[in-house]
Amino acid sequence: MGIHVSDAPHRAPRPIAVWILGTLSAVHAAGALVFVAGGRTPANELEGFVMGTTAAVLLVGAVLSYGLVRLRAELRATTPPR
């Protein structure tokens, strides 16, 4: 019913992992585009495919990370204090 000294201040969680994973995904996607568009050998095209797949996985990780941060914030907001 009041403010207790032991209560930690609540601030909105920041999805830092989203920015990191999103940036890595963009870098991998750009690299994949360079390798696939300029691939003169099958090895270059395969490397572009692998980097494109990695970019997709990183992007999915960023979306899931953002969703989990938002879910945690919503659960924390709706949970009554003990």
PDB file of N, CA and C in Angstrom:
ATOM      1  N   MET A   1       0.798  -1.190   0.000  1.00  0.00           N
ATOM      2  CA  MET A   1       0.000   0.000   0.000  1.00  0.00           C
ATOM      3  C   MET A   1       0.843   1.257   0.000  1.00  0.00           C
ATOM      4  N   GLY A   2       2.124   1.120   0.051  1.00  0.00           N
ATOM      5  CA  GLY A   2       2.985   2.290   0.060  1.00  0.00           C
ATOM      6  C   GLY A   2       4.285   1.973  -0.646  1.00  0.00           C
ATOM      7  N   ILE A   3       5.148   2.927  -0.637  1.00  0.00           N
ATOM      8  CA  ILE A   3       6.457   2.741  -1.244  1.00  0.00           C
ATOM      9  C   ILE A   3       7.394   2.197  -0.186  1.00  0.00           C
ATOM     10  N   HIS A   4       7.994   1.071  -0.495  1.00  0.00           N
ATOM     11  CA  HIS A   4       8.936   0.457   0.425  1.00  0.00           C
ATOM     12  C   HIS A   4      10.349   0.734  -0.058  1.00  0.00           C
ATOM     13  N   VAL A   5      11.263   0.811   0.849  1.00  0.00           N
ATOM     14  CA  VAL A   5      12.652   1.085   0.502  1.00  0.00           C
ATOM     15  C   VAL A   5      13.244  -0.064  -0.295  1.00  0.00           C
ATOM     16  N   SER A   6      12.791  -1.273  -0.032  1.00  0.00           N
ATOM     17  CA  SER A   6      13.366  -2.433  -0.700  1.00  0.00           C
ATOM     18  C   SER A   6      12.877  -2.599  -2.139  1.00  0.00           C
ATOM     19  N   ASP A   7      11.836  -1.873  -2.543  1.00  0.00           N
ATOM     20  CA  ASP A   7      11.348  -1.985  -3.914  1.00  0.00           C
ATOM     21  C   ASP A   7      12.321  -1.331  -4.878  1.00  0.00           C
ATOM     22  N   ALA A   8      12.687  -2.088  -5.894  1.00  0.00           N
ATOM     23  CA  ALA A   8      13.575  -1.549  -6.923  1.00  0.00           C
ATOM     24  C   ALA A   8      12.746  -0.701  -7.883  1.00  0.00           C
ATOM     25  N   PRO A   9      13.303   0.384  -8.365  1.00  0.00           N
ATOM     26  CA  PRO A   9      12.549   1.194  -9.327  1.00  0.00           C
ATOM     27  C   PRO A   9      12.345   0.406 -10.624  1.00  0.00           C
ATOM     28  N   HIS A  10      11.156   0.499 -11.165  1.00  0.00           N
ATOM     29  CA  HIS A  10      10.846  -0.216 -12.402  1.00  0.00           C
ATOM     30  C   HIS A  10      10.998   0.735 -13.581  1.00  0.00           C
ATOM     31  N   ARG A  11      11.788   0.304 -14.530  1.00  0.00           N
ATOM     32  CA  ARG A  11      11.927   1.061 -15.754  1.00  0.00           C
ATOM     33  C   ARG A  11      11.618   0.123 -16.905  1.00  0.00           C
ATOM     34  N   ALA A  12      11.263   0.682 -17.988  1.00  0.00           N
ATOM     35  CA  ALA A  12      10.928  -0.138 -19.149  1.00  0.00           C
ATOM     36  C   ALA A  12      12.171  -0.873 -19.636  1.00  0.00           C
ATOM     37  N   PRO A  13      12.053  -2.175 -19.894  1.00  0.00           N
ATOM     38  CA  PRO A  13      13.219  -2.907 -20.395  1.00  0.00           C
ATOM     39  C   PRO A  13      13.568  -2.452 -21.807  1.00  0.00           C
ATOM     40  N   ARG A  14      14.848  -2.402 -22.052  1.00  0.00           N
ATOM     41  CA  ARG A  14      15.315  -1.988 -23.374  1.00  0.00           C
ATOM     42  C   ARG A  14      15.758  -3.213 -24.161  1.00  0.00           C
ATOM     43  N   PRO A  15      15.245  -3.390 -25.348  1.00  0.00           N
ATOM     44  CA  PRO A  15      15.621  -4.558 -26.150  1.00  0.00           C
ATOM     45  C   PRO A  15      16.958  -4.341 -26.866  1.00  0.00           C
ATOM     46  N   ILE A  16      18.047  -4.402 -26.127  1.00  0.00           N
ATOM     47  CA  ILE A  16      19.381  -4.180 -26.701  1.00  0.00           C
ATOM     48  C   ILE A  16      19.720  -5.269 -27.717  1.00  0.00           C
ATOM     49  N   ALA A  17      19.346  -6.509 -27.420  1.00  0.00           N
ATOM     50  CA  ALA A  17      19.675  -7.617 -28.320  1.00  0.00           C
ATOM     51  C   ALA A  17      19.035  -7.433 -29.688  1.00  0.00           C
ATOM     52  N   VAL A  18      17.907  -6.772 -29.733  1.00  0.00           N
ATOM     53  CA  VAL A  18      17.231  -6.540 -31.017  1.00  0.00           C
ATOM     54  C   VAL A  18      18.112  -5.701 -31.924  1.00  0.00           C
ATOM     55  N   TRP A  19      18.696  -4.650 -31.376  1.00  0.00           N
ATOM     56  CA  TRP A  19      19.559  -3.784 -32.194  1.00  0.00           C
ATOM     57  C   TRP A  19      20.811  -4.523 -32.642  1.00  0.00           C
ATOM     58  N   ILE A  20      21.383  -5.312 -31.761  1.00  0.00           N
ATOM     59  CA  ILE A  20      22.607  -6.053 -32.109  1.00  0.00           C
ATOM     60  C   ILE A  20      22.303  -7.098 -33.178  1.00  0.00           C
ATOM     61  N   LEU A  21      21.265  -7.911 -32.949  1.00  0.00           N
ATOM     62  CA  LEU A  21      20.919  -8.953 -33.912  1.00  0.00           C
ATOM     63  C   LEU A  21      20.452  -8.359 -35.239  1.00  0.00           C
ATOM     64  N   GLY A  22      19.718  -7.261 -35.186  1.00  0.00           N
ATOM     65  CA  GLY A  22      19.275  -6.613 -36.421  1.00  0.00           C
ATOM     66  C   GLY A  22      20.436  -6.071 -37.240  1.00  0.00           C
ATOM     67  N   THR A  23      21.407  -5.481 -36.563  1.00  0.00           N
ATOM     68  CA  THR A  23      22.589  -4.959 -37.260  1.00  0.00           C
ATOM     69  C   THR A  23      23.407  -6.094 -37.874  1.00  0.00           C
ATOM     70  N   LEU A  24      23.612  -7.160 -37.106  1.00  0.00           N
ATOM     71  CA  LEU A  24      24.341  -8.313 -37.652  1.00  0.00           C
ATOM     72  C   LEU A  24      23.606  -8.930 -38.829  1.00  0.00           C
ATOM     73  N   SER A  25      22.281  -8.971 -38.744  1.00  0.00           N
ATOM     74  CA  SER A  25      21.489  -9.503 -39.849  1.00  0.00           C
ATOM     75  C   SER A  25      21.663  -8.656 -41.102  1.00  0.00           C
ATOM     76  N   ALA A  26      21.651  -7.336 -40.942  1.00  0.00           N
ATOM     77  CA  ALA A  26      21.827  -6.447 -42.097  1.00  0.00           C
ATOM     78  C   ALA A  26      23.206  -6.603 -42.720  1.00  0.00           C
ATOM     79  N   VAL A  27      24.229  -6.749 -41.891  1.00  0.00           N
ATOM     80  CA  VAL A  27      25.594  -6.925 -42.406  1.00  0.00           C
ATOM     81  C   VAL A  27      25.701  -8.246 -43.158  1.00  0.00           C
ATOM     82  N   HIS A  28      25.129  -9.304 -42.594  1.00  0.00           N
ATOM     83  CA  HIS A  28      25.174 -10.602 -43.267  1.00  0.00           C
ATOM     84  C   HIS A  28      24.368 -10.578 -44.564  1.00  0.00           C
ATOM     85  N   ALA A  29      23.241  -9.893 -44.560  1.00  0.00           N
ATOM     86  CA  ALA A  29      22.435  -9.820 -45.781  1.00  0.00           C
ATOM     87  C   ALA A  29      23.176  -9.066 -46.880  1.00  0.00           C
ATOM     88  N   ALA A  30      23.854  -7.990 -46.518  1.00  0.00           N
ATOM     89  CA  ALA A  30      24.633  -7.241 -47.513  1.00  0.00           C
ATOM     90  C   ALA A  30      25.776  -8.093 -48.057  1.00  0.00           C
ATOM     91  N   GLY A  31      26.449  -8.803 -47.168  1.00  0.00           N
ATOM     92  CA  GLY A  31      27.528  -9.694 -47.613  1.00  0.00           C
ATOM     93  C   GLY A  31      27.008 -10.806 -48.512  1.00  0.00           C
ATOM     94  N   ALA A  32      25.860 -11.346 -48.168  1.00  0.00           N
ATOM     95  CA  ALA A  32      25.269 -12.405 -48.987  1.00  0.00           C
ATOM     96  C   ALA A  32      24.924 -11.885 -50.371  1.00  0.00           C
ATOM     97  N   LEU A  33      24.395 -10.670 -50.420  1.00  0.00           N
ATOM     98  CA  LEU A  33      24.049 -10.079 -51.714  1.00  0.00           C
ATOM     99  C   LEU A  33      25.294  -9.891 -52.570  1.00  0.00           C
ATOM    100  N   VAL A  34      26.383  -9.456 -51.958  1.00  0.00           N
ATOM    101  CA  VAL A  34      27.633  -9.267 -52.710  1.00  0.00           C
ATOM    102  C   VAL A  34      28.140 -10.592 -53.245  1.00  0.00           C
ATOM    103  N   PHE A  35      28.104 -11.625 -52.399  1.00  0.00           N
ATOM    104  CA  PHE A  35      28.622 -12.923 -52.841  1.00  0.00           C
ATOM    105  C   PHE A  35      27.733 -13.561 -53.904  1.00  0.00           C
ATOM    106  N   VAL A  36      26.427 -13.434 -53.770  1.00  0.00           N
ATOM    107  CA  VAL A  36      25.536 -14.062 -54.737  1.00  0.00           C
ATOM    108  C   VAL A  36      25.534 -13.290 -56.051  1.00  0.00           C
ATOM    109  N   ALA A  37      25.479 -11.963 -55.988  1.00  0.00           N
ATOM    110  CA  ALA A  37      25.443 -11.163 -57.213  1.00  0.00           C
ATOM    111  C   ALA A  37      26.779 -11.207 -57.959  1.00  0.00           C
ATOM    112  N   GLY A  38      27.863 -11.226 -57.223  1.00  0.00           N
ATOM    113  CA  GLY A  38      29.170 -11.225 -57.871  1.00  0.00           C
ATOM    114  C   GLY A  38      29.833 -12.584 -57.868  1.00  0.00           C
ATOM    115  N   GLY A  39      29.083 -13.609 -57.525  1.00  0.00           N
ATOM    116  CA  GLY A  39      29.677 -14.949 -57.435  1.00  0.00           C
ATOM    117  C   GLY A  39      30.056 -15.502 -58.781  1.00  0.00           C
ATOM    118  N   ARG A  40      31.322 -15.748 -58.942  1.00  0.00           N
ATOM    119  CA  ARG A  40      31.801 -16.300 -60.208  1.00  0.00           C
ATOM    120  C   ARG A  40      32.043 -17.796 -60.104  1.00  0.00           C
ATOM    121  N   THR A  41      32.073 -18.274 -58.886  1.00  0.00           N
ATOM    122  CA  THR A  41      32.278 -19.705 -58.686  1.00  0.00           C
ATOM    123  C   THR A  41      31.138 -20.245 -57.827  1.00  0.00           C
ATOM    124  N   PRO A  42      30.911 -21.534 -57.902  1.00  0.00           N
ATOM    125  CA  PRO A  42      29.882 -22.118 -57.045  1.00  0.00           C
ATOM    126  C   PRO A  42      30.185 -21.945 -55.558  1.00  0.00           C
ATOM    127  N   ALA A  43      31.450 -21.869 -55.197  1.00  0.00           N
ATOM    128  CA  ALA A  43      31.809 -21.676 -53.795  1.00  0.00           C
ATOM    129  C   ALA A  43      31.345 -20.301 -53.310  1.00  0.00           C
ATOM    130  N   ASN A  44      31.490 -19.277 -54.142  1.00  0.00           N
ATOM    131  CA  ASN A  44      31.014 -17.938 -53.778  1.00  0.00           C
ATOM    132  C   ASN A  44      29.495 -17.920 -53.627  1.00  0.00           C
ATOM    133  N   GLU A  45      28.799 -18.597 -54.521  1.00  0.00           N
ATOM    134  CA  GLU A  45      27.354 -18.654 -54.421  1.00  0.00           C
ATOM    135  C   GLU A  45      26.913 -19.425 -53.185  1.00  0.00           C
ATOM    136  N   LEU A  46      27.618 -20.479 -52.857  1.00  0.00           N
ATOM    137  CA  LEU A  46      27.306 -21.235 -51.650  1.00  0.00           C
ATOM    138  C   LEU A  46      27.566 -20.387 -50.408  1.00  0.00           C
ATOM    139  N   GLU A  47      28.644 -19.639 -50.402  1.00  0.00           N
ATOM    140  CA  GLU A  47      28.933 -18.755 -49.278  1.00  0.00           C
ATOM    141  C   GLU A  47      27.856 -17.676 -49.142  1.00  0.00           C
ATOM    142  N   GLY A  48      27.388 -17.154 -50.252  1.00  0.00           N
ATOM    143  CA  GLY A  48      26.300 -16.186 -50.215  1.00  0.00           C
ATOM    144  C   GLY A  48      25.021 -16.797 -49.671  1.00  0.00           C
ATOM    145  N   PHE A  49      24.748 -18.036 -50.062  1.00  0.00           N
ATOM    146  CA  PHE A  49      23.567 -18.723 -49.549  1.00  0.00           C
ATOM    147  C   PHE A  49      23.662 -18.939 -48.043  1.00  0.00           C
ATOM    148  N   VAL A  50      24.820 -19.345 -47.573  1.00  0.00           N
ATOM    149  CA  VAL A  50      25.014 -19.567 -46.131  1.00  0.00           C
ATOM    150  C   VAL A  50      24.883 -18.247 -45.372  1.00  0.00           C
ATOM    151  N   MET A  51      25.471 -17.192 -45.900  1.00  0.00           N
ATOM    152  CA  MET A  51      25.353 -15.892 -45.227  1.00  0.00           C
ATOM    153  C   MET A  51      23.918 -15.379 -45.245  1.00  0.00           C
ATOM    154  N   GLY A  52      23.187 -15.625 -46.325  1.00  0.00           N
ATOM    155  CA  GLY A  52      21.783 -15.233 -46.382  1.00  0.00           C
ATOM    156  C   GLY A  52      20.944 -16.001 -45.377  1.00  0.00           C
ATOM    157  N   THR A  53      21.239 -17.289 -45.233  1.00  0.00           N
ATOM    158  CA  THR A  53      20.538 -18.093 -44.236  1.00  0.00           C
ATOM    159  C   THR A  53      20.855 -17.606 -42.832  1.00  0.00           C
ATOM    160  N   THR A  54      22.104 -17.268 -42.594  1.00  0.00           N
ATOM    161  CA  THR A  54      22.501 -16.732 -41.287  1.00  0.00           C
ATOM    162  C   THR A  54      21.796 -15.409 -41.016  1.00  0.00           C
ATOM    163  N   ALA A  55      21.678 -14.575 -42.030  1.00  0.00           N
ATOM    164  CA  ALA A  55      20.982 -13.298 -41.869  1.00  0.00           C
ATOM    165  C   ALA A  55      19.521 -13.527 -41.500  1.00  0.00           C
ATOM    166  N   ALA A  56      18.896 -14.511 -42.119  1.00  0.00           N
ATOM    167  CA  ALA A  56      17.499 -14.811 -41.800  1.00  0.00           C
ATOM    168  C   ALA A  56      17.352 -15.307 -40.371  1.00  0.00           C
ATOM    169  N   VAL A  57      18.267 -16.160 -39.933  1.00  0.00           N
ATOM    170  CA  VAL A  57      18.224 -16.677 -38.560  1.00  0.00           C
ATOM    171  C   VAL A  57      18.442 -15.543 -37.559  1.00  0.00           C
ATOM    172  N   LEU A  58      19.373 -14.659 -37.846  1.00  0.00           N
ATOM    173  CA  LEU A  58      19.611 -13.519 -36.956  1.00  0.00           C
ATOM    174  C   LEU A  58      18.390 -12.607 -36.887  1.00  0.00           C
ATOM    175  N   LEU A  59      17.721 -12.410 -38.009  1.00  0.00           N
ATOM    176  CA  LEU A  59      16.525 -11.569 -38.018  1.00  0.00           C
ATOM    177  C   LEU A  59      15.392 -12.207 -37.212  1.00  0.00           C
ATOM    178  N   VAL A  60      15.236 -13.513 -37.333  1.00  0.00           N
ATOM    179  CA  VAL A  60      14.231 -14.211 -36.525  1.00  0.00           C
ATOM    180  C   VAL A  60      14.572 -14.091 -35.044  1.00  0.00           C
ATOM    181  N   GLY A  61      15.858 -14.201 -34.718  1.00  0.00           N
ATOM    182  CA  GLY A  61      16.281 -14.019 -33.328  1.00  0.00           C
ATOM    183  C   GLY A  61      15.976 -12.626 -32.815  1.00  0.00           C
ATOM    184  N   ALA A  62      16.154 -11.627 -33.655  1.00  0.00           N
ATOM    185  CA  ALA A  62      15.848 -10.253 -33.246  1.00  0.00           C
ATOM    186  C   ALA A  62      14.362 -10.084 -32.980  1.00  0.00           C
ATOM    187  N   VAL A  63      13.535 -10.648 -33.841  1.00  0.00           N
ATOM    188  CA  VAL A  63      12.084 -10.532 -33.656  1.00  0.00           C
ATOM    189  C   VAL A  63      11.645 -11.261 -32.391  1.00  0.00           C
ATOM    190  N   LEU A  64      12.177 -12.456 -32.171  1.00  0.00           N
ATOM    191  CA  LEU A  64      11.835 -13.203 -30.957  1.00  0.00           C
ATOM    192  C   LEU A  64      12.328 -12.488 -29.707  1.00  0.00           C
ATOM    193  N   SER A  65      13.511 -11.914 -29.775  1.00  0.00           N
ATOM    194  CA  SER A  65      14.043 -11.186 -28.629  1.00  0.00           C
ATOM    195  C   SER A  65      13.161  -9.996 -28.289  1.00  0.00           C
ATOM    196  N   TYR A  66      12.735  -9.267 -29.300  1.00  0.00           N
ATOM    197  CA  TYR A  66      11.864  -8.126 -29.064  1.00  0.00           C
ATOM    198  C   TYR A  66      10.535  -8.578 -28.456  1.00  0.00           C
ATOM    199  N   GLY A  67       9.993  -9.649 -28.992  1.00  0.00           N
ATOM    200  CA  GLY A  67       8.736 -10.172 -28.466  1.00  0.00           C
ATOM    201  C   GLY A  67       8.856 -10.619 -27.023  1.00  0.00           C
ATOM    202  N   LEU A  68       9.964 -11.264 -26.680  1.00  0.00           N
ATOM    203  CA  LEU A  68      10.153 -11.714 -25.298  1.00  0.00           C
ATOM    204  C   LEU A  68      10.331 -10.543 -24.342  1.00  0.00           C
ATOM    205  N   VAL A  69      11.020  -9.492 -24.778  1.00  0.00           N
ATOM    206  CA  VAL A  69      11.182  -8.311 -23.932  1.00  0.00           C
ATOM    207  C   VAL A  69       9.831  -7.647 -23.695  1.00  0.00           C
ATOM    208  N   ARG A  70       9.024  -7.532 -24.746  1.00  0.00           N
ATOM    209  CA  ARG A  70       7.701  -6.935 -24.591  1.00  0.00           C
ATOM    210  C   ARG A  70       6.795  -7.796 -23.705  1.00  0.00           C
ATOM    211  N   LEU A  71       6.877  -9.115 -23.883  1.00  0.00           N
ATOM    212  CA  LEU A  71       6.073 -10.019 -23.065  1.00  0.00           C
ATOM    213  C   LEU A  71       6.469  -9.915 -21.597  1.00  0.00           C
ATOM    214  N   ARG A  72       7.749  -9.870 -21.340  1.00  0.00           N
ATOM    215  CA  ARG A  72       8.230  -9.737 -19.962  1.00  0.00           C
ATOM    216  C   ARG A  72       7.757  -8.417 -19.348  1.00  0.00           C
ATOM    217  N   ALA A  73       7.786  -7.349 -20.121  1.00  0.00           N
ATOM    218  CA  ALA A  73       7.325  -6.057 -19.619  1.00  0.00           C
ATOM    219  C   ALA A  73       5.831  -6.094 -19.321  1.00  0.00           C
ATOM    220  N   GLU A  74       5.058  -6.743 -20.178  1.00  0.00           N
ATOM    221  CA  GLU A  74       3.616  -6.840 -19.949  1.00  0.00           C
ATOM    222  C   GLU A  74       3.315  -7.699 -18.727  1.00  0.00           C
ATOM    223  N   LEU A  75       4.034  -8.800 -18.582  1.00  0.00           N
ATOM    224  CA  LEU A  75       3.810  -9.659 -17.415  1.00  0.00           C
ATOM    225  C   LEU A  75       4.209  -8.956 -16.131  1.00  0.00           C
ATOM    226  N   ARG A  76       5.280  -8.202 -16.183  1.00  0.00           N
ATOM    227  CA  ARG A  76       5.719  -7.473 -14.998  1.00  0.00           C
ATOM    228  C   ARG A  76       4.712  -6.383 -14.631  1.00  0.00           C
ATOM    229  N   ALA A  77       4.119  -5.769 -15.638  1.00  0.00           N
ATOM    230  CA  ALA A  77       3.162  -4.689 -15.391  1.00  0.00           C
ATOM    231  C   ALA A  77       1.847  -5.223 -14.808  1.00  0.00           C
ATOM    232  N   THR A  78       1.472  -6.451 -15.179  1.00  0.00           N
ATOM    233  CA  THR A  78       0.196  -6.989 -14.721  1.00  0.00           C
ATOM    234  C   THR A  78       0.314  -7.801 -13.441  1.00  0.00           C
ATOM    235  N   THR A  79       1.529  -8.162 -13.046  1.00  0.00           N
ATOM    236  CA  THR A  79       1.716  -8.955 -11.835  1.00  0.00           C
ATOM    237  C   THR A  79       1.608  -8.038 -10.622  1.00  0.00           C
ATOM    238  N   PRO A  80       0.745  -8.381  -9.662  1.00  0.00           N
ATOM    239  CA  PRO A  80       0.634  -7.537  -8.478  1.00  0.00           C
ATOM    240  C   PRO A  80       1.884  -7.664  -7.599  1.00  0.00           C
ATOM    241  N   PRO A  81       2.264  -6.600  -6.923  1.00  0.00           N
ATOM    242  CA  PRO A  81       3.436  -6.666  -6.052  1.00  0.00           C
ATOM    243  C   PRO A  81       3.171  -7.594  -4.875  1.00  0.00           C
ATOM    244  N   ARG A  82       4.231  -8.197  -4.374  1.00  0.00           N
ATOM    245  CA  ARG A  82       4.109  -9.152  -3.262  1.00  0.00           C
ATOM    246  C   ARG A  82       4.152  -8.472  -1.933  1.00  0.00           C
TER     247      ARG A  82
END
